[in-house]
């Protein structure tokens, strides 16, 4: 009998590391097979590039930029569109943020 995914209630067959293909990719990219909607055009990513960032977002993004993370890495970890991060970095450089 074929093995199934180790995630509860997942009907898909085992692919690697005890997970189906979907959960294995989530684990490989995010380190958590249960994470949902962190990339691309859906889920938690705020796509409105004109959406303002609150003070908490500005502090997080500033800290991540200081650590040298790329715009895409910041988007994946915060859910803030990379274009918004680019504009914020430009404002920081010009002393406007």
Protein backbone atom coordinates (compact mmCIF):
# COMPACT_ATOMS: atom_id res chain seq x y z
CA UNK A 1 0.00 0.00 0.00
CA UNK A 2 1.33 3.45 -0.91
CA UNK A 3 2.28 5.80 1.89
CA UNK A 4 0.25 8.94 2.35
CA UNK A 5 1.25 12.41 3.47
CA UNK A 6 2.02 12.67 7.19
CA UNK A 7 -0.13 15.82 7.55
CA UNK A 8 -3.51 15.01 9.14
CA UNK A 9 -6.42 14.85 6.68
CA UNK A 10 -4.16 15.26 3.62
CA UNK A 11 -5.30 12.75 0.97
CA UNK A 12 -2.25 13.04 -1.28
CA UNK A 13 0.44 10.37 -1.63
CA UNK A 14 3.86 10.57 0.01
CA UNK A 15 6.48 12.37 -2.07
CA UNK A 16 9.48 13.17 0.19
CA UNK A 17 10.38 13.63 3.87
CA UNK A 18 7.00 12.19 4.85
CA UNK A 19 5.04 14.87 2.99
CA UNK A 20 3.09 15.04 -0.26
CA UNK A 21 4.44 17.32 -2.99
CA UNK A 22 2.43 20.36 -1.79
CA UNK A 23 3.46 20.07 1.86
CA UNK A 24 7.06 19.20 0.96
CA UNK A 25 7.37 22.39 -1.13
CA UNK A 26 5.91 24.47 1.71
CA UNK A 27 8.38 22.88 4.15
CA UNK A 28 11.31 23.40 1.75
CA UNK A 29 10.51 27.07 1.03
CA UNK A 30 9.15 28.26 4.38
CA UNK A 31 10.37 25.67 6.90
CA UNK A 32 6.76 24.85 7.81
CA UNK A 33 4.55 22.45 5.82
CA UNK A 34 1.37 24.04 7.19
CA UNK A 35 2.07 27.63 6.14
CA UNK A 36 -0.47 28.98 3.65
CA UNK A 37 -0.50 31.90 1.23
CA UNK A 38 2.83 33.62 1.86
CA UNK A 39 3.96 33.85 -1.78
CA UNK A 40 2.65 34.91 -5.12
CA UNK A 41 -0.58 36.73 -5.70
CA UNK A 42 -2.73 35.32 -2.93
CA UNK A 43 -2.93 34.67 0.73
CA UNK A 44 -1.27 37.06 3.12
CA UNK A 45 0.72 39.12 0.61
CA UNK A 46 -0.55 42.67 0.48
CA UNK A 47 -0.50 43.42 -3.22
CA UNK A 48 -1.73 47.01 -3.14
CA UNK A 49 1.59 48.70 -3.82
CA UNK A 50 0.20 52.03 -2.63
CA UNK A 51 -0.98 50.56 0.67
CA UNK A 52 0.60 52.51 3.55
CA UNK A 53 2.76 50.72 6.09
CA UNK A 54 2.05 51.23 9.77
CA UNK A 55 4.80 51.99 12.31
CA UNK A 56 5.28 48.31 13.18
CA UNK A 57 5.78 47.42 9.51
CA UNK A 58 8.29 50.25 9.11
CA UNK A 59 10.32 49.03 12.10
CA UNK A 60 10.31 45.44 10.83
CA UNK A 61 11.28 46.41 7.29
CA UNK A 62 14.01 48.77 8.51
CA UNK A 63 15.49 45.99 10.64
CA UNK A 64 15.37 43.48 7.77
CA UNK A 65 16.94 45.98 5.34
CA UNK A 66 19.76 46.60 7.83
CA UNK A 67 20.36 42.83 7.92
CA UNK A 68 20.85 42.91 4.15
CA UNK A 69 17.79 40.87 3.11
CA UNK A 70 16.56 41.19 -0.46
CA UNK A 71 13.24 42.81 -1.29
CA UNK A 72 11.73 39.42 -2.17
CA UNK A 73 12.97 37.87 1.10
CA UNK A 74 11.35 40.73 3.02
CA UNK A 75 8.13 40.20 1.06
CA UNK A 76 8.13 36.51 1.95
CA UNK A 77 8.76 37.13 5.64
CA UNK A 78 6.43 40.11 6.17
CA UNK A 79 3.80 39.83 3.45
CA UNK A 80 4.51 43.38 2.29
CA UNK A 81 4.80 43.80 -1.48
CA UNK A 82 8.44 44.14 -2.59
CA UNK A 83 7.61 47.34 -4.50
CA UNK A 84 6.40 48.91 -1.25
CA UNK A 85 9.67 47.85 0.38
CA UNK A 86 11.66 49.40 -2.47
CA UNK A 87 9.81 52.70 -2.12
CA UNK A 88 10.28 52.67 1.64
CA UNK A 89 14.03 52.08 1.27
CA UNK A 90 14.22 55.04 -1.11
CA UNK A 91 12.41 57.22 1.45
CA UNK A 92 14.80 56.04 4.17
CA UNK A 93 17.77 56.96 2.00
CA UNK A 94 16.35 60.41 1.38
CA UNK A 95 15.46 60.94 5.03
CA UNK A 96 11.71 61.08 4.39
CA UNK A 97 10.59 58.01 6.34
